[in-house]
């Protein structure tokens, strides 16, 4: 396991105490996911302070009315995932995380998260910072849909995730951009 990589990523959000780092290092779990494996957020305990160390993923909602997958966010390697399970209960439709390539996720098991919040007050600041980053990415994606034309939205996505087309299906990228897959194919040919 890459404890140092994980702790370095968390320390970028907040300066962690030695005790907090030791507890995190002791409880850290490593989970492997296969390419195209999907997990329903409401039915899965991924753990807390999730870090996508290797691989990539997409977060999507399955809308039963339209029978469509609506891509919300893409996560390249080295991303933190906020507490998705709590968020999923506020959304209409089932929320899924699909791993677009073989992936490794580091996290703290759920049974330790309660202890962390009791023992380390700094955990509140860390959780808030990770949640704020994900909320910022979500707000940016929604704002881009409202303000920019499809070409610019695609350009911004490619700046954030240059290898997106090598790991994601065109229909999923089109869903994220708010356009039809044939429109995206035509844009890519230009």
C-alpha atoms as a PDB file:
ATOM      1  CA  UNK A   1       0.000   0.000   0.000  1.00  0.00           C
ATOM      2  CA  UNK A   2       1.062   3.537  -0.688  1.00  0.00           C
ATOM      3  CA  UNK A   3       0.512   5.006   2.800  1.00  0.00           C
ATOM      4  CA  UNK A   4       2.816   7.923   2.075  1.00  0.00           C
ATOM      5  CA  UNK A   5       0.990   8.854  -1.149  1.00  0.00           C
ATOM      6  CA  UNK A   6      -2.355   8.735   0.674  1.00  0.00           C
ATOM      7  CA  UNK A   7      -1.210  10.771   3.682  1.00  0.00           C
ATOM      8  CA  UNK A   8       0.501  13.309   1.430  1.00  0.00           C
ATOM      9  CA  UNK A   9      -2.769  13.825  -0.464  1.00  0.00           C
ATOM     10  CA  UNK A  10      -4.730  14.319   2.780  1.00  0.00           C
ATOM     11  CA  UNK A  11      -2.068  16.678   4.133  1.00  0.00           C
ATOM     12  CA  UNK A  12      -2.579  18.895   1.081  1.00  0.00           C
ATOM     13  CA  UNK A  13      -6.062  19.686   2.456  1.00  0.00           C
ATOM     14  CA  UNK A  14      -5.023  20.244   6.064  1.00  0.00           C
ATOM     15  CA  UNK A  15      -1.865  19.906   8.136  1.00  0.00           C
ATOM     16  CA  UNK A  16      -2.440  16.593   9.934  1.00  0.00           C
ATOM     17  CA  UNK A  17      -1.121  15.890  13.414  1.00  0.00           C
ATOM     18  CA  UNK A  18       1.284  13.013  13.973  1.00  0.00           C
ATOM     19  CA  UNK A  19      -1.353  11.079  15.924  1.00  0.00           C
ATOM     20  CA  UNK A  20      -3.965  11.535  13.211  1.00  0.00           C
ATOM     21  CA  UNK A  21      -1.509  10.384  10.522  1.00  0.00           C
ATOM     22  CA  UNK A  22      -0.617   7.318  12.593  1.00  0.00           C
ATOM     23  CA  UNK A  23      -4.281   6.385  13.076  1.00  0.00           C
ATOM     24  CA  UNK A  24      -5.018   6.842   9.377  1.00  0.00           C
ATOM     25  CA  UNK A  25      -1.988   4.754   8.406  1.00  0.00           C
ATOM     26  CA  UNK A  26      -3.010   1.991  10.810  1.00  0.00           C
ATOM     27  CA  UNK A  27      -6.623   1.765   9.623  1.00  0.00           C
ATOM     28  CA  UNK A  28      -6.075   2.358   5.904  1.00  0.00           C
ATOM     29  CA  UNK A  29      -7.712  -0.206   3.622  1.00  0.00           C
ATOM     30  CA  UNK A  30      -6.939  -0.915  -0.007  1.00  0.00           C
ATOM     31  CA  UNK A  31      -9.747  -2.034  -2.337  1.00  0.00           C
ATOM     32  CA  UNK A  32      -9.353  -3.172  -5.929  1.00  0.00           C
ATOM     33  CA  UNK A  33     -12.008  -2.656  -8.595  1.00  0.00           C
ATOM     34  CA  UNK A  34     -12.130  -4.104 -12.093  1.00  0.00           C
ATOM     35  CA  UNK A  35     -12.663  -2.138 -15.271  1.00  0.00           C
ATOM     36  CA  UNK A  36     -16.379  -1.350 -15.748  1.00  0.00           C
ATOM     37  CA  UNK A  37     -17.237  -2.539 -12.229  1.00  0.00           C
ATOM     38  CA  UNK A  38     -20.121  -0.525 -10.816  1.00  0.00           C
ATOM     39  CA  UNK A  39     -21.074   0.054  -7.216  1.00  0.00           C
ATOM     40  CA  UNK A  40     -24.363   1.483  -6.040  1.00  0.00           C
ATOM     41  CA  UNK A  41     -23.402   4.241  -3.625  1.00  0.00           C
ATOM     42  CA  UNK A  42     -26.442   3.763  -1.364  1.00  0.00           C
ATOM     43  CA  UNK A  43     -25.713   0.041  -0.924  1.00  0.00           C
ATOM     44  CA  UNK A  44     -21.921   0.120  -0.591  1.00  0.00           C
ATOM     45  CA  UNK A  45     -19.628   1.238   2.193  1.00  0.00           C
ATOM     46  CA  UNK A  46     -16.575   2.530   0.378  1.00  0.00           C
ATOM     47  CA  UNK A  47     -15.278   3.992   3.631  1.00  0.00           C
ATOM     48  CA  UNK A  48     -14.229   7.498   4.532  1.00  0.00           C
ATOM     49  CA  UNK A  49     -11.548   9.725   3.032  1.00  0.00           C
ATOM     50  CA  UNK A  50     -11.659   7.742  -0.223  1.00  0.00           C
ATOM     51  CA  UNK A  51      -8.691   8.278  -2.503  1.00  0.00           C
ATOM     52  CA  UNK A  52      -8.628   6.951  -6.050  1.00  0.00           C
ATOM     53  CA  UNK A  53      -4.953   6.032  -6.224  1.00  0.00           C
ATOM     54  CA  UNK A  54      -5.017   4.245  -9.583  1.00  0.00           C
ATOM     55  CA  UNK A  55      -7.528   4.085 -12.400  1.00  0.00           C
ATOM     56  CA  UNK A  56     -10.440   6.412 -13.043  1.00  0.00           C
ATOM     57  CA  UNK A  57     -14.141   6.523 -12.317  1.00  0.00           C
ATOM     58  CA  UNK A  58     -17.342   8.254 -13.247  1.00  0.00           C
ATOM     59  CA  UNK A  59     -20.184   9.190 -10.956  1.00  0.00           C
ATOM     60  CA  UNK A  60     -23.616   8.890 -12.494  1.00  0.00           C
ATOM     61  CA  UNK A  61     -27.305   8.782 -11.660  1.00  0.00           C
ATOM     62  CA  UNK A  62     -29.622   6.255 -13.251  1.00  0.00           C
ATOM     63  CA  UNK A  63     -32.894   7.998 -14.023  1.00  0.00           C
ATOM     64  CA  UNK A  64     -35.647   5.358 -14.060  1.00  0.00           C
ATOM     65  CA  UNK A  65     -38.148   7.640 -15.794  1.00  0.00           C
ATOM     66  CA  UNK A  66     -36.020   8.191 -18.881  1.00  0.00           C
ATOM     67  CA  UNK A  67     -34.024   4.955 -18.407  1.00  0.00           C
ATOM     68  CA  UNK A  68     -30.792   6.898 -18.870  1.00  0.00           C
ATOM     69  CA  UNK A  69     -27.463   7.134 -17.113  1.00  0.00           C
ATOM     70  CA  UNK A  70     -26.652  10.779 -16.447  1.00  0.00           C
ATOM     71  CA  UNK A  71     -22.945  11.338 -15.900  1.00  0.00           C
ATOM     72  CA  UNK A  72     -22.287  13.837 -13.118  1.00  0.00           C
ATOM     73  CA  UNK A  73     -18.512  13.810 -12.634  1.00  0.00           C
ATOM     74  CA  UNK A  74     -15.362  12.088 -13.836  1.00  0.00           C
ATOM     75  CA  UNK A  75     -12.554  11.248 -11.427  1.00  0.00           C
ATOM     76  CA  UNK A  76      -9.050  10.689 -12.813  1.00  0.00           C
ATOM     77  CA  UNK A  77      -6.406   8.950 -10.687  1.00  0.00           C
ATOM     78  CA  UNK A  78      -5.186  10.841  -7.602  1.00  0.00           C
ATOM     79  CA  UNK A  79      -8.621  12.254  -6.736  1.00  0.00           C
ATOM     80  CA  UNK A  80     -10.348  12.302  -3.396  1.00  0.00           C
ATOM     81  CA  UNK A  81     -13.998  11.273  -3.367  1.00  0.00           C
ATOM     82  CA  UNK A  82     -16.208  13.055  -0.872  1.00  0.00           C
ATOM     83  CA  UNK A  83     -18.702  11.235   1.336  1.00  0.00           C
ATOM     84  CA  UNK A  84     -20.889  10.051  -1.524  1.00  0.00           C
ATOM     85  CA  UNK A  85     -23.241   7.807   0.456  1.00  0.00           C
ATOM     86  CA  UNK A  86     -24.799  10.707   2.369  1.00  0.00           C
ATOM     87  CA  UNK A  87     -25.149  12.727  -0.838  1.00  0.00           C
ATOM     88  CA  UNK A  88     -26.849   9.857  -2.688  1.00  0.00           C
ATOM     89  CA  UNK A  89     -29.847   9.952  -0.344  1.00  0.00           C
ATOM     90  CA  UNK A  90     -30.694  13.473  -1.575  1.00  0.00           C
ATOM     91  CA  UNK A  91     -30.698  12.637  -5.284  1.00  0.00           C
ATOM     92  CA  UNK A  92     -33.538  11.368  -7.422  1.00  0.00           C
ATOM     93  CA  UNK A  93     -32.521   8.025  -8.881  1.00  0.00           C
ATOM     94  CA  UNK A  94     -29.831   5.559  -7.915  1.00  0.00           C
ATOM     95  CA  UNK A  95     -26.282   6.906  -7.778  1.00  0.00           C
ATOM     96  CA  UNK A  96     -23.430   4.738  -9.040  1.00  0.00           C
ATOM     97  CA  UNK A  97     -19.670   4.871  -9.242  1.00  0.00           C
ATOM     98  CA  UNK A  98     -18.293   3.080 -12.290  1.00  0.00           C
ATOM     99  CA  UNK A  99     -14.595   2.335 -12.529  1.00  0.00           C
ATOM    100  CA  UNK A 100     -13.587   3.028 -16.128  1.00  0.00           C
ATOM    101  CA  UNK A 101     -10.363   1.044 -15.793  1.00  0.00           C
ATOM    102  CA  UNK A 102      -8.849  -1.251 -13.175  1.00  0.00           C
ATOM    103  CA  UNK A 103      -8.656   0.853 -10.048  1.00  0.00           C
ATOM    104  CA  UNK A 104      -7.272   0.982  -6.523  1.00  0.00           C
ATOM    105  CA  UNK A 105      -9.170   2.878  -3.852  1.00  0.00           C
ATOM    106  CA  UNK A 106      -7.653   3.714  -0.463  1.00  0.00           C
ATOM    107  CA  UNK A 107     -10.040   4.541   2.349  1.00  0.00           C
ATOM    108  CA  UNK A 108     -10.698   4.333   6.051  1.00  0.00           C
ATOM    109  CA  UNK A 109     -13.286   1.692   7.022  1.00  0.00           C
ATOM    110  CA  UNK A 110     -16.641   3.101   8.134  1.00  0.00           C
ATOM    111  CA  UNK A 111     -16.318   1.578  11.618  1.00  0.00           C
ATOM    112  CA  UNK A 112     -13.228   3.748  12.217  1.00  0.00           C
ATOM    113  CA  UNK A 113     -14.715   7.014  10.965  1.00  0.00           C
ATOM    114  CA  UNK A 114     -16.722   7.530  14.172  1.00  0.00           C
ATOM    115  CA  UNK A 115     -13.569   7.097  16.253  1.00  0.00           C
ATOM    116  CA  UNK A 116     -11.673   9.520  14.039  1.00  0.00           C
ATOM    117  CA  UNK A 117     -14.298  12.220  14.548  1.00  0.00           C
ATOM    118  CA  UNK A 118     -14.263  11.662  18.329  1.00  0.00           C
ATOM    119  CA  UNK A 119     -10.488  11.518  18.702  1.00  0.00           C
ATOM    120  CA  UNK A 120      -9.305  14.102  16.183  1.00  0.00           C
ATOM    121  CA  UNK A 121     -11.107  17.435  15.918  1.00  0.00           C
ATOM    122  CA  UNK A 122      -9.027  18.224  12.837  1.00  0.00           C
ATOM    123  CA  UNK A 123     -10.978  15.516  11.004  1.00  0.00           C
ATOM    124  CA  UNK A 124     -13.899  17.945  10.711  1.00  0.00           C
ATOM    125  CA  UNK A 125     -11.708  20.436   8.833  1.00  0.00           C
ATOM    126  CA  UNK A 126     -10.353  17.667   6.597  1.00  0.00           C
ATOM    127  CA  UNK A 127     -13.836  16.347   5.777  1.00  0.00           C
ATOM    128  CA  UNK A 128     -15.094  19.853   5.030  1.00  0.00           C
ATOM    129  CA  UNK A 129     -12.157  20.568   2.699  1.00  0.00           C
ATOM    130  CA  UNK A 130     -12.652  17.346   0.721  1.00  0.00           C
ATOM    131  CA  UNK A 131     -16.403  17.959   0.475  1.00  0.00           C
ATOM    132  CA  UNK A 132     -15.838  21.566  -0.590  1.00  0.00           C
ATOM    133  CA  UNK A 133     -13.511  20.462  -3.392  1.00  0.00           C
ATOM    134  CA  UNK A 134     -16.077  17.990  -4.750  1.00  0.00           C
ATOM    135  CA  UNK A 135     -18.852  20.566  -4.413  1.00  0.00           C
ATOM    136  CA  UNK A 136     -16.672  23.041  -6.307  1.00  0.00           C
ATOM    137  CA  UNK A 137     -16.156  20.532  -9.139  1.00  0.00           C
ATOM    138  CA  UNK A 138     -19.906  19.891  -9.270  1.00  0.00           C
ATOM    139  CA  UNK A 139     -20.805  23.592  -9.301  1.00  0.00           C
ATOM    140  CA  UNK A 140     -18.212  24.228 -12.022  1.00  0.00           C
ATOM    141  CA  UNK A 141     -19.676  21.431 -14.175  1.00  0.00           C
ATOM    142  CA  UNK A 142     -23.220  22.775 -13.757  1.00  0.00           C
ATOM    143  CA  UNK A 143     -22.102  26.359 -14.400  1.00  0.00           C
ATOM    144  CA  UNK A 144     -20.239  25.275 -17.535  1.00  0.00           C
ATOM    145  CA  UNK A 145     -23.434  23.619 -18.818  1.00  0.00           C
ATOM    146  CA  UNK A 146     -25.325  26.886 -18.358  1.00  0.00           C
ATOM    147  CA  UNK A 147     -22.696  29.332 -19.631  1.00  0.00           C
ATOM    148  CA  UNK A 148     -20.547  27.696 -22.280  1.00  0.00           C
ATOM    149  CA  UNK A 149     -21.153  26.091 -25.642  1.00  0.00           C
ATOM    150  CA  UNK A 150     -20.312  22.422 -26.119  1.00  0.00           C
ATOM    151  CA  UNK A 151     -16.902  23.053 -27.736  1.00  0.00           C
ATOM    152  CA  UNK A 152     -15.681  25.013 -24.740  1.00  0.00           C
ATOM    153  CA  UNK A 153     -17.110  22.484 -22.262  1.00  0.00           C
ATOM    154  CA  UNK A 154     -15.220  19.742 -24.107  1.00  0.00           C
ATOM    155  CA  UNK A 155     -12.016  21.790 -24.079  1.00  0.00           C
ATOM    156  CA  UNK A 156     -12.306  22.306 -20.306  1.00  0.00           C
ATOM    157  CA  UNK A 157     -12.976  18.603 -19.743  1.00  0.00           C
ATOM    158  CA  UNK A 158      -9.893  17.680 -21.771  1.00  0.00           C
ATOM    159  CA  UNK A 159      -7.783  20.098 -19.724  1.00  0.00           C
ATOM    160  CA  UNK A 160      -9.013  18.443 -16.510  1.00  0.00           C
ATOM    161  CA  UNK A 161      -8.888  14.859 -17.804  1.00  0.00           C
ATOM    162  CA  UNK A 162      -6.760  14.644 -21.007  1.00  0.00           C
ATOM    163  CA  UNK A 163      -7.110  10.866 -21.374  1.00  0.00           C
ATOM    164  CA  UNK A 164     -10.890  10.797 -20.982  1.00  0.00           C
ATOM    165  CA  UNK A 165     -11.544   9.317 -24.435  1.00  0.00           C
ATOM    166  CA  UNK A 166      -9.140   6.433 -23.831  1.00  0.00           C
ATOM    167  CA  UNK A 167     -11.068   5.273 -20.737  1.00  0.00           C
ATOM    168  CA  UNK A 168     -14.678   6.496 -21.096  1.00  0.00           C
ATOM    169  CA  UNK A 169     -17.393   5.684 -23.594  1.00  0.00           C
ATOM    170  CA  UNK A 170     -18.390   8.507 -25.941  1.00  0.00           C
ATOM    171  CA  UNK A 171     -21.988   8.295 -24.685  1.00  0.00           C
ATOM    172  CA  UNK A 172     -20.814   8.906 -21.099  1.00  0.00           C
ATOM    173  CA  UNK A 173     -18.706  11.914 -22.070  1.00  0.00           C
ATOM    174  CA  UNK A 174     -21.626  13.260 -24.128  1.00  0.00           C
ATOM    175  CA  UNK A 175     -23.937  12.834 -21.126  1.00  0.00           C
ATOM    176  CA  UNK A 176     -21.525  14.827 -18.959  1.00  0.00           C
ATOM    177  CA  UNK A 177     -21.304  17.566 -21.588  1.00  0.00           C
ATOM    178  CA  UNK A 178     -25.090  17.674 -22.039  1.00  0.00           C
ATOM    179  CA  UNK A 179     -25.009  16.811 -25.747  1.00  0.00           C
ATOM    180  CA  UNK A 180     -25.952  13.879 -27.966  1.00  0.00           C
ATOM    181  CA  UNK A 181     -23.212  11.295 -28.675  1.00  0.00           C
ATOM    182  CA  UNK A 182     -23.388  11.943 -32.445  1.00  0.00           C
ATOM    183  CA  UNK A 183     -22.807  15.645 -31.801  1.00  0.00           C
ATOM    184  CA  UNK A 184     -19.740  14.785 -29.719  1.00  0.00           C
ATOM    185  CA  UNK A 185     -18.425  12.476 -32.460  1.00  0.00           C
ATOM    186  CA  UNK A 186     -18.806  15.285 -35.015  1.00  0.00           C
ATOM    187  CA  UNK A 187     -17.030  17.728 -32.675  1.00  0.00           C
ATOM    188  CA  UNK A 188     -14.112  15.327 -32.252  1.00  0.00           C
ATOM    189  CA  UNK A 189     -13.719  14.978 -36.038  1.00  0.00           C
ATOM    190  CA  UNK A 190     -13.296  18.750 -36.423  1.00  0.00           C
END
